[in-house]
C-alpha atoms as a PDB file:
ATOM      1  CA  UNK A   1      -0.033  -0.147   0.026  1.00  0.00           C
ATOM      2  CA  UNK A   2       2.815   2.401  -0.047  1.00  0.00           C
ATOM      3  CA  UNK A   3       2.831   2.583  -3.430  1.00  0.00           C
ATOM      4  CA  UNK A   4      -0.270   3.780  -3.219  1.00  0.00           C
ATOM      5  CA  UNK A   5       0.845   6.511  -0.512  1.00  0.00           C
ATOM      6  CA  UNK A   6       3.247   7.790  -2.733  1.00  0.00           C
ATOM      7  CA  UNK A   7       1.198   8.039  -5.763  1.00  0.00           C
ATOM      8  CA  UNK A   8      -1.959   9.509  -5.126  1.00  0.00           C
ATOM      9  CA  UNK A   9      -2.265  13.164  -4.004  1.00  0.00           C
ATOM     10  CA  UNK A  10      -4.739  14.585  -1.665  1.00  0.00           C
ATOM     11  CA  UNK A  11      -6.044  16.796  -4.236  1.00  0.00           C
ATOM     12  CA  UNK A  12      -6.250  14.528  -7.076  1.00  0.00           C
ATOM     13  CA  UNK A  13      -8.881  13.141  -8.866  1.00  0.00           C
ATOM     14  CA  UNK A  14      -8.481   9.195  -9.506  1.00  0.00           C
ATOM     15  CA  UNK A  15     -10.918   7.464 -12.137  1.00  0.00           C
ATOM     16  CA  UNK A  16     -11.508   4.157 -11.517  1.00  0.00           C
ATOM     17  CA  UNK A  17     -13.211   1.577 -13.202  1.00  0.00           C
ATOM     18  CA  UNK A  18     -14.706  -1.222 -10.911  1.00  0.00           C
ATOM     19  CA  UNK A  19     -11.996  -3.822 -10.553  1.00  0.00           C
ATOM     20  CA  UNK A  20     -12.494  -6.412  -8.321  1.00  0.00           C
ATOM     21  CA  UNK A  21      -9.332  -5.535  -5.891  1.00  0.00           C
ATOM     22  CA  UNK A  22     -10.329  -2.083  -5.500  1.00  0.00           C
ATOM     23  CA  UNK A  23     -13.581  -3.363  -3.533  1.00  0.00           C
ATOM     24  CA  UNK A  24     -11.643  -5.222  -1.056  1.00  0.00           C
ATOM     25  CA  UNK A  25     -12.237  -4.354   2.506  1.00  0.00           C
ATOM     26  CA  UNK A  26      -8.624  -3.885   3.054  1.00  0.00           C
ATOM     27  CA  UNK A  27      -8.054  -1.422   0.224  1.00  0.00           C
ATOM     28  CA  UNK A  28     -10.941   0.809   0.966  1.00  0.00           C
ATOM     29  CA  UNK A  29     -10.110   1.091   4.593  1.00  0.00           C
ATOM     30  CA  UNK A  30      -6.506   1.919   3.715  1.00  0.00           C
ATOM     31  CA  UNK A  31      -7.713   4.563   0.960  1.00  0.00           C
ATOM     32  CA  UNK A  32     -10.016   6.010   3.396  1.00  0.00           C
ATOM     33  CA  UNK A  33      -7.339   6.344   6.117  1.00  0.00           C
ATOM     34  CA  UNK A  34      -4.928   8.465   3.705  1.00  0.00           C
ATOM     35  CA  UNK A  35      -8.080  10.698   3.005  1.00  0.00           C
ATOM     36  CA  UNK A  36      -8.692   9.739  -0.441  1.00  0.00           C
ATOM     37  CA  UNK A  37     -12.458   9.323  -1.686  1.00  0.00           C
ATOM     38  CA  UNK A  38     -12.966   6.584  -4.428  1.00  0.00           C
ATOM     39  CA  UNK A  39     -15.460   7.639  -7.315  1.00  0.00           C
ATOM     40  CA  UNK A  40     -15.966   4.734 -10.034  1.00  0.00           C
ATOM     41  CA  UNK A  41     -17.221   4.928 -13.697  1.00  0.00           C
ATOM     42  CA  UNK A  42     -20.712   3.701 -13.674  1.00  0.00           C
ATOM     43  CA  UNK A  43     -20.824  -0.141 -15.603  1.00  0.00           C
ATOM     44  CA  UNK A  44     -21.000  -0.032 -19.194  1.00  0.00           C
ATOM     45  CA  UNK A  45     -19.714   3.627 -19.714  1.00  0.00           C
ATOM     46  CA  UNK A  46     -16.406   3.360 -22.063  1.00  0.00           C
ATOM     47  CA  UNK A  47     -16.981   6.876 -22.984  1.00  0.00           C
ATOM     48  CA  UNK A  48     -16.112   7.640 -19.574  1.00  0.00           C
ATOM     49  CA  UNK A  49     -12.924   5.751 -18.978  1.00  0.00           C
ATOM     50  CA  UNK A  50      -9.930   7.167 -21.261  1.00  0.00           C
ATOM     51  CA  UNK A  51      -8.121   4.071 -21.332  1.00  0.00           C
ATOM     52  CA  UNK A  52     -11.201   2.546 -23.317  1.00  0.00           C
ATOM     53  CA  UNK A  53     -10.574   5.026 -26.051  1.00  0.00           C
ATOM     54  CA  UNK A  54      -7.037   3.879 -26.497  1.00  0.00           C
ATOM     55  CA  UNK A  55      -7.723   0.529 -26.335  1.00  0.00           C
ATOM     56  CA  UNK A  56     -10.376   1.080 -29.324  1.00  0.00           C
ATOM     57  CA  UNK A  57      -7.700   2.332 -31.572  1.00  0.00           C
ATOM     58  CA  UNK A  58      -5.476  -0.531 -31.006  1.00  0.00           C
ATOM     59  CA  UNK A  59      -7.929  -3.054 -31.213  1.00  0.00           C
ATOM     60  CA  UNK A  60      -9.335  -1.308 -34.841  1.00  0.00           C
ATOM     61  CA  UNK A  61      -5.641  -1.174 -36.094  1.00  0.00           C
ATOM     62  CA  UNK A  62      -5.406  -4.768 -35.168  1.00  0.00           C
ATOM     63  CA  UNK A  63      -8.523  -6.165 -36.462  1.00  0.00           C
ATOM     64  CA  UNK A  64      -8.027  -4.447 -39.992  1.00  0.00           C
ATOM     65  CA  UNK A  65      -4.572  -5.771 -40.217  1.00  0.00           C
ATOM     66  CA  UNK A  66      -5.710  -9.354 -39.675  1.00  0.00           C
ATOM     67  CA  UNK A  67      -8.497  -8.804 -42.218  1.00  0.00           C
ATOM     68  CA  UNK A  68      -6.131  -7.527 -44.470  1.00  0.00           C
ATOM     69  CA  UNK A  69      -3.798 -10.362 -44.201  1.00  0.00           C
ATOM     70  CA  UNK A  70      -6.646 -12.791 -44.631  1.00  0.00           C
ATOM     71  CA  UNK A  71      -8.214 -10.966 -47.750  1.00  0.00           C
ATOM     72  CA  UNK A  72      -4.386 -11.420 -49.211  1.00  0.00           C
ATOM     73  CA  UNK A  73      -4.203 -14.953 -48.445  1.00  0.00           C
ATOM     74  CA  UNK A  74      -7.639 -15.557 -50.133  1.00  0.00           C
ATOM     75  CA  UNK A  75      -6.371 -13.779 -53.098  1.00  0.00           C
ATOM     76  CA  UNK A  76      -3.387 -15.894 -53.409  1.00  0.00           C
ATOM     77  CA  UNK A  77      -4.907 -19.379 -52.919  1.00  0.00           C
ATOM     78  CA  UNK A  78      -8.394 -18.388 -54.872  1.00  0.00           C
ATOM     79  CA  UNK A  79      -9.026 -20.460 -58.042  1.00  0.00           C
ATOM     80  CA  UNK A  80     -10.763 -18.624 -60.255  1.00  0.00           C
ATOM     81  CA  UNK A  81     -12.861 -20.422 -63.004  1.00  0.00           C
ATOM     82  CA  UNK A  82     -11.888 -19.618 -66.719  1.00  0.00           C
ATOM     83  CA  UNK A  83     -14.820 -17.824 -68.518  1.00  0.00           C
ATOM     84  CA  UNK A  84     -15.701 -19.579 -71.686  1.00  0.00           C
ATOM     85  CA  UNK A  85     -16.818 -17.237 -74.455  1.00  0.00           C
END
């Protein structure tokens, strides 16, 4: 908990999602003991969590990259029927 003491300022605002360990009794007691109030982002509200916007960009780039590789593989292995006139 000393890491928490050094990282949390009494005048700071910390945005937290509902991580399980934050709700443990010992964590709540310690945080209350150093005079910090915890406020939680509501469930299913990714727009309020800045990390979610970063993960969205990373996920879209990863997905797009995977899709491009799949399309390239399909094109490489596709057997196109000859059109007879």
